[in-house]
N, C-alpha and C. Protein backbone atom coordinates (compact mmCIF):
# COMPACT_ATOMS: atom_id res chain seq x y z
N MET A 1 -129.95 -151.64 -105.15
CA MET A 1 -129.71 -151.09 -103.82
C MET A 1 -128.75 -151.98 -103.06
N PHE A 2 -128.07 -151.31 -102.09
CA PHE A 2 -127.10 -152.08 -101.30
C PHE A 2 -127.76 -152.86 -100.22
N ASN A 3 -127.15 -153.95 -99.89
CA ASN A 3 -127.68 -154.79 -98.82
C ASN A 3 -126.95 -154.44 -97.53
N PHE A 4 -127.69 -153.70 -96.67
CA PHE A 4 -127.05 -153.28 -95.42
C PHE A 4 -126.77 -154.45 -94.51
N ASN A 5 -127.40 -155.52 -94.72
CA ASN A 5 -127.12 -156.69 -93.87
C ASN A 5 -125.75 -157.26 -94.14
N ASN A 6 -125.19 -156.94 -95.28
CA ASN A 6 -123.84 -157.43 -95.61
C ASN A 6 -122.77 -156.41 -95.25
N ASN A 7 -123.11 -155.44 -94.34
CA ASN A 7 -122.15 -154.39 -93.98
C ASN A 7 -121.17 -154.86 -92.89
N LYS A 8 -120.98 -156.08 -92.69
CA LYS A 8 -120.06 -156.68 -91.67
C LYS A 8 -118.61 -156.47 -92.08
N LYS A 9 -117.77 -156.01 -91.12
CA LYS A 9 -116.35 -155.79 -91.42
C LYS A 9 -115.66 -157.09 -91.70
N GLU A 10 -114.78 -156.98 -92.74
CA GLU A 10 -114.06 -158.21 -93.11
C GLU A 10 -112.97 -158.51 -92.12
N SER A 11 -112.56 -157.43 -91.31
CA SER A 11 -111.46 -157.66 -90.35
C SER A 11 -111.91 -158.37 -89.10
N ASP A 12 -113.22 -158.42 -88.88
CA ASP A 12 -113.69 -159.13 -87.69
C ASP A 12 -113.36 -160.59 -87.80
N LEU A 13 -112.82 -161.15 -86.61
CA LEU A 13 -112.44 -162.56 -86.60
C LEU A 13 -113.30 -163.29 -85.60
N PRO A 14 -113.50 -164.53 -85.83
CA PRO A 14 -114.27 -165.32 -84.87
C PRO A 14 -113.50 -165.45 -83.55
N PRO A 15 -114.17 -165.71 -82.45
CA PRO A 15 -113.55 -165.81 -81.13
C PRO A 15 -112.43 -166.83 -81.07
N GLN A 16 -112.54 -167.90 -81.75
CA GLN A 16 -111.49 -168.94 -81.71
C GLN A 16 -110.18 -168.39 -82.28
N ASP A 17 -110.31 -167.65 -83.40
CA ASP A 17 -109.09 -167.10 -84.01
C ASP A 17 -108.46 -166.04 -83.10
N LEU A 18 -109.29 -165.24 -82.44
CA LEU A 18 -108.75 -164.23 -81.54
C LEU A 18 -108.00 -164.87 -80.36
N GLU A 19 -108.57 -165.90 -79.84
CA GLU A 19 -107.92 -166.60 -78.71
C GLU A 19 -106.56 -167.16 -79.12
N GLU A 20 -106.53 -167.71 -80.31
CA GLU A 20 -105.26 -168.26 -80.81
C GLU A 20 -104.23 -167.14 -80.99
N LEU A 21 -104.72 -165.99 -81.51
CA LEU A 21 -103.81 -164.86 -81.71
C LEU A 21 -103.23 -164.37 -80.37
N PHE A 22 -104.09 -164.28 -79.33
CA PHE A 22 -103.62 -163.84 -78.02
C PHE A 22 -102.59 -164.81 -77.43
N GLN A 23 -102.82 -166.08 -77.63
CA GLN A 23 -101.87 -167.08 -77.14
C GLN A 23 -100.51 -166.90 -77.77
N ARG A 24 -100.51 -166.65 -79.09
CA ARG A 24 -99.24 -166.45 -79.79
C ARG A 24 -98.52 -165.20 -79.29
N LEU A 25 -99.34 -164.14 -79.05
CA LEU A 25 -98.73 -162.91 -78.54
C LEU A 25 -98.10 -163.14 -77.15
N GLU A 26 -98.79 -163.86 -76.31
CA GLU A 26 -98.25 -164.18 -74.98
C GLU A 26 -96.94 -164.95 -75.08
N HIS A 27 -96.95 -165.91 -75.99
CA HIS A 27 -95.75 -166.72 -76.19
C HIS A 27 -94.58 -165.85 -76.62
N LEU A 28 -94.86 -164.93 -77.56
CA LEU A 28 -93.81 -164.04 -78.04
C LEU A 28 -93.31 -163.11 -76.93
N GLU A 29 -94.21 -162.64 -76.08
CA GLU A 29 -93.79 -161.77 -74.98
C GLU A 29 -92.89 -162.50 -74.00
N ARG A 30 -93.27 -163.74 -73.66
CA ARG A 30 -92.42 -164.53 -72.75
C ARG A 30 -91.04 -164.76 -73.34
N LYS A 31 -91.03 -165.03 -74.66
CA LYS A 31 -89.76 -165.26 -75.33
C LYS A 31 -88.90 -164.00 -75.31
N CYS A 32 -89.52 -162.84 -75.50
CA CYS A 32 -88.79 -161.58 -75.45
C CYS A 32 -88.20 -161.32 -74.07
N ARG A 33 -89.00 -161.62 -73.03
CA ARG A 33 -88.50 -161.41 -71.67
C ARG A 33 -87.29 -162.30 -71.37
N ARG A 34 -87.36 -163.56 -71.82
CA ARG A 34 -86.24 -164.47 -71.61
C ARG A 34 -84.99 -163.96 -72.34
N MET A 35 -85.19 -163.45 -73.57
CA MET A 35 -84.06 -162.96 -74.34
C MET A 35 -83.44 -161.73 -73.66
N GLU A 36 -84.29 -160.87 -73.13
CA GLU A 36 -83.78 -159.70 -72.42
C GLU A 36 -82.96 -160.11 -71.20
N ALA A 37 -83.45 -161.10 -70.46
CA ALA A 37 -82.72 -161.58 -69.28
C ALA A 37 -81.37 -162.16 -69.67
N GLN A 38 -81.34 -162.92 -70.79
CA GLN A 38 -80.08 -163.51 -71.26
C GLN A 38 -79.10 -162.42 -71.69
N ILE A 39 -79.63 -161.38 -72.33
CA ILE A 39 -78.76 -160.28 -72.77
C ILE A 39 -78.12 -159.59 -71.56
N LYS A 40 -78.92 -159.32 -70.52
CA LYS A 40 -78.39 -158.69 -69.31
C LYS A 40 -77.33 -159.56 -68.64
N GLU A 41 -77.60 -160.88 -68.62
CA GLU A 41 -76.63 -161.81 -68.02
C GLU A 41 -75.32 -161.78 -68.77
N LEU A 42 -75.39 -161.77 -70.11
CA LEU A 42 -74.18 -161.72 -70.93
C LEU A 42 -73.43 -160.41 -70.71
N GLU A 43 -74.16 -159.30 -70.61
CA GLU A 43 -73.50 -158.02 -70.37
C GLU A 43 -72.80 -158.00 -69.02
N ALA A 44 -73.44 -158.60 -68.00
CA ALA A 44 -72.81 -158.66 -66.67
C ALA A 44 -71.53 -159.48 -66.71
N LYS A 45 -71.56 -160.58 -67.46
CA LYS A 45 -70.36 -161.43 -67.55
C LYS A 45 -69.24 -160.69 -68.26
N MET A 46 -69.59 -159.89 -69.27
CA MET A 46 -68.57 -159.17 -70.02
C MET A 46 -67.90 -158.09 -69.17
N THR A 47 -68.64 -157.45 -68.24
CA THR A 47 -68.07 -156.38 -67.41
C THR A 47 -67.38 -156.92 -66.17
N ALA A 48 -67.82 -158.07 -65.61
CA ALA A 48 -67.22 -158.64 -64.40
C ALA A 48 -65.95 -159.37 -64.75
N PRO A 49 -64.91 -159.30 -63.84
CA PRO A 49 -63.67 -160.04 -64.10
C PRO A 49 -63.89 -161.54 -64.00
N THR A 50 -63.18 -162.27 -64.80
CA THR A 50 -63.28 -163.73 -64.77
C THR A 50 -62.59 -164.26 -63.53
N ALA A 51 -62.83 -165.53 -63.26
CA ALA A 51 -62.23 -166.16 -62.08
C ALA A 51 -60.72 -166.14 -62.16
N SER A 52 -60.18 -166.38 -63.35
CA SER A 52 -58.72 -166.41 -63.50
C SER A 52 -58.12 -165.04 -63.25
N GLU A 53 -58.86 -163.97 -63.72
CA GLU A 53 -58.36 -162.63 -63.48
C GLU A 53 -58.36 -162.31 -61.99
N THR A 54 -59.44 -162.73 -61.28
CA THR A 54 -59.52 -162.48 -59.85
C THR A 54 -58.40 -163.18 -59.10
N VAL A 55 -58.12 -164.42 -59.47
CA VAL A 55 -57.05 -165.17 -58.81
C VAL A 55 -55.71 -164.51 -59.07
N SER A 56 -55.48 -164.09 -60.32
CA SER A 56 -54.19 -163.47 -60.63
C SER A 56 -54.01 -162.16 -59.87
N GLU A 57 -55.12 -161.39 -59.73
CA GLU A 57 -55.02 -160.15 -58.96
C GLU A 57 -54.71 -160.44 -57.50
N ALA A 58 -55.36 -161.47 -56.92
CA ALA A 58 -55.11 -161.83 -55.52
C ALA A 58 -53.66 -162.25 -55.33
N VAL A 59 -53.14 -163.02 -56.28
CA VAL A 59 -51.73 -163.46 -56.19
C VAL A 59 -50.80 -162.26 -56.24
N SER A 60 -51.12 -161.32 -57.11
CA SER A 60 -50.29 -160.12 -57.23
C SER A 60 -50.28 -159.32 -55.94
N VAL A 61 -51.47 -159.15 -55.31
CA VAL A 61 -51.55 -158.43 -54.05
C VAL A 61 -50.76 -159.15 -52.96
N ALA A 62 -50.92 -160.49 -52.92
CA ALA A 62 -50.20 -161.26 -51.90
C ALA A 62 -48.70 -161.12 -52.07
N GLU A 63 -48.22 -161.17 -53.33
CA GLU A 63 -46.79 -161.03 -53.57
C GLU A 63 -46.29 -159.66 -53.12
N THR A 64 -47.10 -158.63 -53.36
CA THR A 64 -46.72 -157.28 -52.93
C THR A 64 -46.61 -157.20 -51.42
N GLU A 65 -47.61 -157.82 -50.70
CA GLU A 65 -47.58 -157.78 -49.24
C GLU A 65 -46.38 -158.55 -48.68
N VAL A 66 -46.09 -159.71 -49.27
CA VAL A 66 -44.95 -160.51 -48.82
C VAL A 66 -43.65 -159.73 -49.03
N GLU A 67 -43.56 -159.07 -50.19
CA GLU A 67 -42.36 -158.28 -50.47
C GLU A 67 -42.21 -157.15 -49.47
N SER A 68 -43.37 -156.50 -49.12
CA SER A 68 -43.34 -155.41 -48.15
C SER A 68 -42.89 -155.91 -46.79
N VAL A 69 -43.42 -157.09 -46.36
CA VAL A 69 -43.01 -157.67 -45.08
C VAL A 69 -41.53 -158.00 -45.08
N GLY A 70 -41.06 -158.53 -46.20
CA GLY A 70 -39.64 -158.85 -46.32
C GLY A 70 -38.77 -157.63 -46.17
N ILE A 71 -39.21 -156.50 -46.78
CA ILE A 71 -38.46 -155.26 -46.68
C ILE A 71 -38.42 -154.78 -45.24
N ASN A 72 -39.60 -154.85 -44.56
CA ASN A 72 -39.66 -154.42 -43.16
C ASN A 72 -38.75 -155.26 -42.28
N LEU A 73 -38.75 -156.59 -42.53
CA LEU A 73 -37.89 -157.47 -41.75
C LEU A 73 -36.41 -157.14 -41.98
N ASP A 74 -36.06 -156.88 -43.23
CA ASP A 74 -34.68 -156.52 -43.54
C ASP A 74 -34.29 -155.23 -42.84
N ASN A 75 -35.20 -154.24 -42.84
CA ASN A 75 -34.91 -152.98 -42.17
C ASN A 75 -34.72 -153.17 -40.68
N ALA A 76 -35.62 -154.01 -40.07
CA ALA A 76 -35.52 -154.27 -38.63
C ALA A 76 -34.20 -154.95 -38.30
N ALA A 77 -33.81 -155.93 -39.12
CA ALA A 77 -32.55 -156.62 -38.88
C ALA A 77 -31.38 -155.66 -39.01
N ALA A 78 -31.44 -154.77 -40.00
CA ALA A 78 -30.36 -153.81 -40.18
C ALA A 78 -30.26 -152.87 -38.99
N ASN A 79 -31.41 -152.43 -38.48
CA ASN A 79 -31.41 -151.55 -37.31
C ASN A 79 -30.80 -152.23 -36.09
N LEU A 80 -31.18 -153.51 -35.89
CA LEU A 80 -30.64 -154.24 -34.75
C LEU A 80 -29.12 -154.42 -34.88
N MET A 81 -28.68 -154.73 -36.09
CA MET A 81 -27.25 -154.90 -36.31
C MET A 81 -26.52 -153.58 -36.07
N GLY A 82 -27.16 -152.48 -36.51
CA GLY A 82 -26.54 -151.18 -36.31
C GLY A 82 -26.39 -150.85 -34.85
N LYS A 83 -27.45 -151.15 -34.07
CA LYS A 83 -27.39 -150.89 -32.63
C LYS A 83 -26.34 -151.76 -31.96
N ALA A 84 -26.25 -153.01 -32.41
CA ALA A 84 -25.27 -153.91 -31.82
C ALA A 84 -23.85 -153.43 -32.09
N ILE A 85 -23.64 -152.83 -33.30
CA ILE A 85 -22.31 -152.33 -33.64
C ILE A 85 -22.01 -151.07 -32.83
N GLU A 86 -23.03 -150.18 -32.69
CA GLU A 86 -22.83 -148.95 -31.96
C GLU A 86 -22.56 -149.20 -30.48
N LYS A 87 -23.27 -150.21 -29.90
CA LYS A 87 -23.13 -150.49 -28.48
C LYS A 87 -22.78 -151.96 -28.27
N PRO A 88 -21.50 -152.32 -28.34
CA PRO A 88 -21.11 -153.73 -28.16
C PRO A 88 -21.43 -154.19 -26.75
N MET A 89 -21.60 -155.49 -26.62
CA MET A 89 -21.92 -156.08 -25.32
C MET A 89 -20.78 -155.84 -24.33
N GLU A 90 -21.17 -155.39 -23.14
CA GLU A 90 -20.17 -155.11 -22.13
C GLU A 90 -19.64 -156.40 -21.53
N LYS A 91 -18.36 -156.44 -21.34
CA LYS A 91 -17.74 -157.61 -20.73
C LYS A 91 -17.99 -157.58 -19.23
N PRO A 92 -18.51 -158.66 -18.66
CA PRO A 92 -18.78 -158.65 -17.22
C PRO A 92 -17.51 -158.49 -16.41
N SER A 93 -17.61 -157.71 -15.36
CA SER A 93 -16.46 -157.47 -14.51
C SER A 93 -16.28 -158.60 -13.52
N ASP A 94 -15.02 -158.91 -13.21
CA ASP A 94 -14.75 -159.95 -12.22
C ASP A 94 -15.03 -159.45 -10.82
N GLU A 95 -15.04 -158.11 -10.65
CA GLU A 95 -15.23 -157.54 -9.33
C GLU A 95 -16.71 -157.34 -9.06
N PRO A 96 -17.24 -157.76 -7.92
CA PRO A 96 -18.67 -157.61 -7.65
C PRO A 96 -19.06 -156.14 -7.58
N GLN A 97 -20.20 -155.81 -8.20
CA GLN A 97 -20.70 -154.46 -8.16
C GLN A 97 -22.19 -154.49 -8.42
N THR A 98 -22.88 -153.43 -8.04
CA THR A 98 -24.30 -153.36 -8.28
C THR A 98 -24.54 -152.89 -9.71
N ALA A 99 -25.78 -153.13 -10.19
CA ALA A 99 -26.11 -152.70 -11.54
C ALA A 99 -26.01 -151.19 -11.67
N ALA A 100 -26.38 -150.46 -10.64
CA ALA A 100 -26.37 -149.00 -10.71
C ALA A 100 -24.96 -148.47 -10.85
N SER A 101 -23.95 -149.14 -10.27
CA SER A 101 -22.59 -148.63 -10.30
C SER A 101 -22.01 -148.65 -11.68
N SER A 102 -22.54 -149.44 -12.59
CA SER A 102 -22.03 -149.51 -13.95
C SER A 102 -22.20 -148.19 -14.66
N PHE A 103 -23.15 -147.37 -14.24
CA PHE A 103 -23.43 -146.12 -14.91
C PHE A 103 -22.72 -144.94 -14.23
N GLY A 104 -21.97 -145.20 -13.20
CA GLY A 104 -21.19 -144.16 -12.55
C GLY A 104 -22.02 -143.29 -11.64
N GLY A 105 -21.37 -142.77 -10.59
CA GLY A 105 -22.04 -141.83 -9.73
C GLY A 105 -22.90 -142.48 -8.66
N GLN A 106 -23.16 -143.75 -8.75
CA GLN A 106 -23.98 -144.42 -7.75
C GLN A 106 -23.12 -145.40 -6.97
N SER A 107 -23.65 -145.82 -5.83
CA SER A 107 -22.85 -146.57 -4.87
C SER A 107 -22.86 -148.07 -5.14
N GLU A 108 -21.78 -148.69 -4.68
CA GLU A 108 -21.70 -150.15 -4.64
C GLU A 108 -22.07 -150.62 -3.23
N ILE A 109 -22.63 -151.81 -3.18
CA ILE A 109 -23.00 -152.39 -1.88
C ILE A 109 -22.33 -153.74 -1.74
N PHE A 110 -21.69 -153.95 -0.60
CA PHE A 110 -21.08 -155.25 -0.28
C PHE A 110 -21.66 -155.76 1.03
N TYR A 111 -21.71 -157.08 1.13
CA TYR A 111 -22.16 -157.72 2.36
C TYR A 111 -20.94 -158.39 3.00
N LEU A 112 -20.75 -158.11 4.29
CA LEU A 112 -19.52 -158.53 4.98
C LEU A 112 -19.83 -159.57 6.04
N ALA A 113 -18.91 -160.52 6.14
CA ALA A 113 -19.00 -161.52 7.21
C ALA A 113 -18.40 -160.93 8.49
N ALA A 114 -18.26 -161.75 9.50
CA ALA A 114 -17.73 -161.28 10.80
C ALA A 114 -16.34 -160.70 10.61
N PRO A 115 -16.01 -159.63 11.34
CA PRO A 115 -14.68 -159.02 11.21
C PRO A 115 -13.62 -159.87 11.91
N ASN A 116 -12.38 -159.64 11.52
CA ASN A 116 -11.26 -160.29 12.19
C ASN A 116 -10.96 -159.54 13.50
N PRO A 117 -10.26 -160.18 14.42
CA PRO A 117 -9.94 -159.50 15.70
C PRO A 117 -9.16 -158.20 15.50
N ASP A 118 -8.40 -158.06 14.38
CA ASP A 118 -7.62 -156.84 14.16
C ASP A 118 -8.45 -155.72 13.54
N GLY A 119 -9.78 -155.94 13.39
CA GLY A 119 -10.63 -154.88 12.87
C GLY A 119 -10.65 -154.77 11.36
N THR A 120 -10.57 -155.87 10.66
CA THR A 120 -10.66 -155.87 9.20
C THR A 120 -11.74 -156.86 8.76
N PHE A 121 -12.35 -156.54 7.65
CA PHE A 121 -13.30 -157.46 7.00
C PHE A 121 -12.56 -158.09 5.82
N SER A 122 -12.37 -159.39 5.90
CA SER A 122 -11.64 -160.06 4.82
C SER A 122 -12.57 -160.70 3.80
N GLN A 123 -13.84 -160.85 4.16
CA GLN A 123 -14.78 -161.51 3.25
C GLN A 123 -15.91 -160.54 2.88
N ALA A 124 -15.96 -160.20 1.59
CA ALA A 124 -17.00 -159.30 1.08
C ALA A 124 -17.68 -159.97 -0.11
N SER A 125 -18.99 -159.79 -0.19
CA SER A 125 -19.77 -160.40 -1.26
C SER A 125 -20.75 -159.38 -1.82
N ALA A 126 -21.01 -159.50 -3.14
CA ALA A 126 -21.98 -158.59 -3.78
C ALA A 126 -23.42 -158.98 -3.44
N VAL A 127 -23.63 -160.18 -2.91
CA VAL A 127 -24.97 -160.62 -2.54
C VAL A 127 -24.95 -161.07 -1.08
N GLU A 128 -26.10 -160.94 -0.42
CA GLU A 128 -26.20 -161.34 0.98
C GLU A 128 -26.16 -162.86 1.08
N GLN A 129 -25.31 -163.34 1.99
CA GLN A 129 -25.18 -164.79 2.22
C GLN A 129 -25.81 -165.12 3.57
N ILE A 130 -26.93 -165.84 3.50
CA ILE A 130 -27.68 -166.15 4.72
C ILE A 130 -26.82 -166.99 5.66
N GLY A 131 -26.79 -166.57 6.93
CA GLY A 131 -26.01 -167.30 7.94
C GLY A 131 -24.55 -166.89 7.98
N LYS A 132 -24.14 -165.99 7.08
CA LYS A 132 -22.74 -165.56 7.03
C LYS A 132 -22.62 -164.04 7.04
N SER A 133 -23.46 -163.37 6.23
CA SER A 133 -23.38 -161.91 6.13
C SER A 133 -23.99 -161.27 7.37
N ILE A 134 -23.22 -160.35 7.98
CA ILE A 134 -23.68 -159.65 9.18
C ILE A 134 -23.75 -158.15 8.93
N TYR A 135 -22.86 -157.63 8.11
CA TYR A 135 -22.77 -156.19 7.88
C TYR A 135 -23.04 -155.88 6.40
N GLN A 136 -23.43 -154.62 6.19
CA GLN A 136 -23.62 -154.12 4.83
C GLN A 136 -22.78 -152.85 4.67
N LEU A 137 -21.90 -152.85 3.66
CA LEU A 137 -21.01 -151.72 3.42
C LEU A 137 -21.39 -151.04 2.11
N THR A 138 -21.43 -149.71 2.13
CA THR A 138 -21.75 -148.93 0.94
C THR A 138 -20.56 -148.04 0.60
N THR A 139 -20.13 -148.06 -0.67
CA THR A 139 -19.01 -147.23 -1.11
C THR A 139 -19.36 -146.53 -2.41
N ALA A 140 -18.95 -145.26 -2.51
CA ALA A 140 -19.22 -144.50 -3.73
C ALA A 140 -18.02 -144.49 -4.66
N ASP A 141 -16.82 -144.68 -4.09
CA ASP A 141 -15.61 -144.61 -4.92
C ASP A 141 -14.84 -145.91 -4.97
N GLY A 142 -15.32 -146.94 -4.26
CA GLY A 142 -14.63 -148.23 -4.26
C GLY A 142 -13.44 -148.29 -3.33
N GLN A 143 -13.14 -147.17 -2.64
CA GLN A 143 -11.99 -147.13 -1.73
C GLN A 143 -12.39 -146.83 -0.29
N ASN A 144 -13.41 -146.02 -0.12
CA ASN A 144 -13.88 -145.66 1.22
C ASN A 144 -15.37 -145.92 1.30
N GLY A 145 -15.81 -146.39 2.47
CA GLY A 145 -17.23 -146.70 2.60
C GLY A 145 -17.70 -146.61 4.04
N THR A 146 -19.01 -146.76 4.20
CA THR A 146 -19.61 -146.78 5.54
C THR A 146 -20.36 -148.11 5.68
N PHE A 147 -20.49 -148.57 6.90
CA PHE A 147 -21.14 -149.87 7.09
C PHE A 147 -22.12 -149.81 8.25
N ILE A 148 -23.10 -150.72 8.21
CA ILE A 148 -24.09 -150.89 9.27
C ILE A 148 -24.17 -152.37 9.61
N LEU A 149 -24.74 -152.66 10.77
CA LEU A 149 -25.01 -154.05 11.13
C LEU A 149 -26.42 -154.36 10.63
N LEU A 150 -26.57 -155.43 9.87
CA LEU A 150 -27.85 -155.76 9.26
C LEU A 150 -28.90 -156.07 10.33
N ASP A 151 -30.08 -155.47 10.14
CA ASP A 151 -31.19 -155.71 11.08
C ASP A 151 -32.15 -156.72 10.47
N THR A 152 -31.63 -157.93 10.25
CA THR A 152 -32.47 -159.02 9.73
C THR A 152 -32.39 -160.19 10.70
N PRO A 153 -33.42 -161.03 10.75
CA PRO A 153 -33.39 -162.16 11.70
C PRO A 153 -32.17 -163.05 11.52
N ASP A 154 -31.77 -163.30 10.26
CA ASP A 154 -30.61 -164.18 10.03
C ASP A 154 -29.32 -163.53 10.51
N ALA A 155 -29.15 -162.23 10.18
CA ALA A 155 -27.92 -161.53 10.60
C ALA A 155 -27.85 -161.42 12.11
N ILE A 156 -28.99 -161.12 12.76
CA ILE A 156 -29.00 -161.00 14.22
C ILE A 156 -28.67 -162.34 14.87
N ALA A 157 -29.25 -163.42 14.33
CA ALA A 157 -28.98 -164.75 14.90
C ALA A 157 -27.50 -165.10 14.78
N THR A 158 -26.89 -164.77 13.65
CA THR A 158 -25.47 -165.05 13.46
C THR A 158 -24.62 -164.19 14.40
N ALA A 159 -24.95 -162.90 14.48
CA ALA A 159 -24.17 -161.99 15.33
C ALA A 159 -24.23 -162.41 16.79
N MET A 160 -25.38 -162.91 17.24
CA MET A 160 -25.55 -163.25 18.65
C MET A 160 -24.88 -164.56 19.02
N ILE A 161 -24.33 -165.28 18.04
CA ILE A 161 -23.57 -166.50 18.37
C ILE A 161 -22.39 -166.12 19.27
N SER A 162 -21.74 -165.00 18.91
CA SER A 162 -20.64 -164.50 19.74
C SER A 162 -20.54 -162.99 19.55
N VAL A 163 -21.14 -162.25 20.48
CA VAL A 163 -21.12 -160.78 20.39
C VAL A 163 -19.69 -160.26 20.47
N SER A 164 -18.89 -160.89 21.31
CA SER A 164 -17.51 -160.41 21.49
C SER A 164 -16.68 -160.60 20.22
N GLN A 165 -16.94 -161.65 19.46
CA GLN A 165 -16.14 -161.89 18.24
C GLN A 165 -16.75 -161.26 17.00
N PHE A 166 -18.10 -161.26 16.91
CA PHE A 166 -18.74 -160.84 15.66
C PHE A 166 -19.21 -159.39 15.66
N VAL A 167 -19.41 -158.81 16.86
CA VAL A 167 -19.97 -157.45 16.92
C VAL A 167 -18.96 -156.45 17.47
N LYS A 168 -18.35 -156.74 18.62
CA LYS A 168 -17.52 -155.75 19.29
C LYS A 168 -16.29 -155.30 18.50
N PRO A 169 -15.67 -156.14 17.64
CA PRO A 169 -14.53 -155.63 16.86
C PRO A 169 -14.92 -154.52 15.87
N ALA A 170 -16.21 -154.43 15.52
CA ALA A 170 -16.64 -153.44 14.52
C ALA A 170 -17.62 -152.43 15.09
N CYS A 171 -18.17 -152.70 16.30
CA CYS A 171 -19.25 -151.83 16.80
C CYS A 171 -19.08 -151.51 18.28
N LYS A 172 -19.58 -150.32 18.63
CA LYS A 172 -19.80 -149.98 20.03
C LYS A 172 -21.28 -150.23 20.32
N ILE A 173 -21.56 -150.90 21.44
CA ILE A 173 -22.93 -151.28 21.74
C ILE A 173 -23.47 -150.37 22.83
N SER A 174 -24.62 -149.76 22.57
CA SER A 174 -25.28 -148.94 23.60
C SER A 174 -26.49 -149.70 24.12
N GLY A 175 -26.80 -149.50 25.39
CA GLY A 175 -27.93 -150.19 25.96
C GLY A 175 -27.55 -151.54 26.55
N ASN A 176 -28.56 -152.33 26.82
CA ASN A 176 -28.39 -153.62 27.50
C ASN A 176 -27.91 -154.68 26.52
N THR A 177 -26.77 -155.27 26.80
CA THR A 177 -26.22 -156.32 25.93
C THR A 177 -26.57 -157.71 26.43
N ALA A 178 -27.27 -157.78 27.54
CA ALA A 178 -27.58 -159.09 28.11
C ALA A 178 -28.86 -159.68 27.53
N ILE A 179 -29.62 -158.88 26.81
CA ILE A 179 -30.89 -159.39 26.25
C ILE A 179 -30.66 -160.03 24.88
N GLN A 180 -31.62 -160.86 24.52
CA GLN A 180 -31.63 -161.42 23.17
C GLN A 180 -32.44 -160.44 22.29
N PRO A 181 -31.77 -159.65 21.46
CA PRO A 181 -32.48 -158.57 20.75
C PRO A 181 -33.35 -159.10 19.60
N ARG A 182 -34.46 -158.41 19.40
CA ARG A 182 -35.30 -158.68 18.22
C ARG A 182 -34.86 -157.80 17.06
N HIS A 183 -34.26 -156.65 17.41
CA HIS A 183 -33.73 -155.73 16.41
C HIS A 183 -32.39 -155.20 16.88
N ILE A 184 -31.52 -154.92 15.90
CA ILE A 184 -30.26 -154.23 16.18
C ILE A 184 -30.26 -152.97 15.33
N ILE A 185 -30.34 -151.82 16.00
CA ILE A 185 -30.45 -150.54 15.32
C ILE A 185 -29.06 -149.91 15.23
N THR A 186 -28.65 -149.51 14.04
CA THR A 186 -27.39 -148.81 13.85
C THR A 186 -27.64 -147.32 14.06
N GLU A 187 -27.15 -146.79 15.18
CA GLU A 187 -27.34 -145.37 15.49
C GLU A 187 -26.33 -144.50 14.76
N GLU A 188 -25.12 -144.99 14.61
CA GLU A 188 -24.09 -144.27 13.85
C GLU A 188 -23.38 -145.28 12.95
N GLU A 189 -23.27 -144.93 11.68
CA GLU A 189 -22.60 -145.84 10.74
C GLU A 189 -21.11 -145.87 11.02
N GLY A 190 -20.51 -147.04 10.81
CA GLY A 190 -19.07 -147.17 10.91
C GLY A 190 -18.42 -146.79 9.58
N ALA A 191 -17.10 -146.68 9.58
CA ALA A 191 -16.37 -146.31 8.37
C ALA A 191 -15.26 -147.33 8.14
N ALA A 192 -14.95 -147.55 6.86
CA ALA A 192 -13.89 -148.50 6.51
C ALA A 192 -13.26 -148.07 5.20
N SER A 193 -12.02 -148.45 4.99
CA SER A 193 -11.32 -148.15 3.74
C SER A 193 -10.77 -149.46 3.17
N ARG A 194 -10.68 -149.49 1.86
CA ARG A 194 -10.23 -150.72 1.21
C ARG A 194 -8.77 -150.98 1.54
N GLU A 195 -8.49 -152.24 1.84
CA GLU A 195 -7.12 -152.67 2.13
C GLU A 195 -6.91 -154.01 1.44
N GLY A 196 -6.27 -153.96 0.29
CA GLY A 196 -6.09 -155.18 -0.51
C GLY A 196 -7.44 -155.66 -1.00
N THR A 197 -7.78 -156.91 -0.69
CA THR A 197 -9.07 -157.45 -1.09
C THR A 197 -10.12 -157.29 0.00
N GLY A 198 -9.72 -156.73 1.15
CA GLY A 198 -10.64 -156.57 2.27
C GLY A 198 -10.87 -155.10 2.60
N TRP A 199 -11.46 -154.88 3.77
CA TRP A 199 -11.77 -153.53 4.23
C TRP A 199 -11.28 -153.37 5.67
N LYS A 200 -10.59 -152.24 5.91
CA LYS A 200 -10.05 -151.93 7.23
C LYS A 200 -10.99 -150.96 7.94
N ILE A 201 -11.42 -151.32 9.17
CA ILE A 201 -12.32 -150.46 9.93
C ILE A 201 -11.56 -149.25 10.42
N THR A 202 -12.03 -148.06 10.05
CA THR A 202 -11.40 -146.81 10.52
C THR A 202 -12.24 -146.13 11.59
N ARG A 203 -13.51 -146.47 11.68
CA ARG A 203 -14.37 -145.96 12.75
C ARG A 203 -15.46 -146.98 13.04
N LYS A 204 -15.61 -147.31 14.30
CA LYS A 204 -16.61 -148.29 14.66
C LYS A 204 -18.03 -147.70 14.56
N ALA A 205 -18.96 -148.59 14.24
CA ALA A 205 -20.37 -148.19 14.22
C ALA A 205 -20.89 -148.21 15.65
N VAL A 206 -22.00 -147.50 15.88
CA VAL A 206 -22.67 -147.51 17.18
C VAL A 206 -24.02 -148.18 16.98
N VAL A 207 -24.27 -149.28 17.71
CA VAL A 207 -25.52 -150.03 17.53
C VAL A 207 -26.23 -150.15 18.87
N ARG A 208 -27.54 -150.39 18.77
CA ARG A 208 -28.35 -150.55 20.00
C ARG A 208 -29.19 -151.80 19.86
N PHE A 209 -29.20 -152.63 20.91
CA PHE A 209 -30.02 -153.84 20.90
C PHE A 209 -31.43 -153.49 21.41
N GLU A 210 -32.42 -154.01 20.73
CA GLU A 210 -33.81 -153.83 21.16
C GLU A 210 -34.53 -155.16 21.19
């Protein structure tokens, strides 16, 4: 007869052997995980560009941008040169004139000193001269113009030095001439025509002292 007490499986292992087997399995699993991580790292390195490739690409992009800037600068310089050729610099005129008169159709303005006893203005300037300029003349054609007595403190002070010499040869005065005016109002503009380098009064202005 068979001995049922000897029916123990031969595959059964003692606890010590099982523990050792589990330890080995754990070790193998850790090793597999490390190998998988290394494989992924290697694959990432193979797909990513190397440092030298990145630097070379950056240099290429920079060269392209520099070349583009150079082209733009060349185009800008060419445009400026073209404009300079199309419109050469205007030679400044020796004769005084306003900026607007250069374009035609607009008036020139001159500032005049005291008139001569014969009714002419011999001194004309494109800019107001403090202590000297008393009148302002406007001309559209450079030959005929109209003038007023300047209503500025400096012009009034200069004119009042001698009304008979500085005002009456060019103006008719309405109102009281005995007062020291704070303002001189031009009620009617005077007229003058160019005579040589000066201006000849053809009609006196009418001014009022206030």
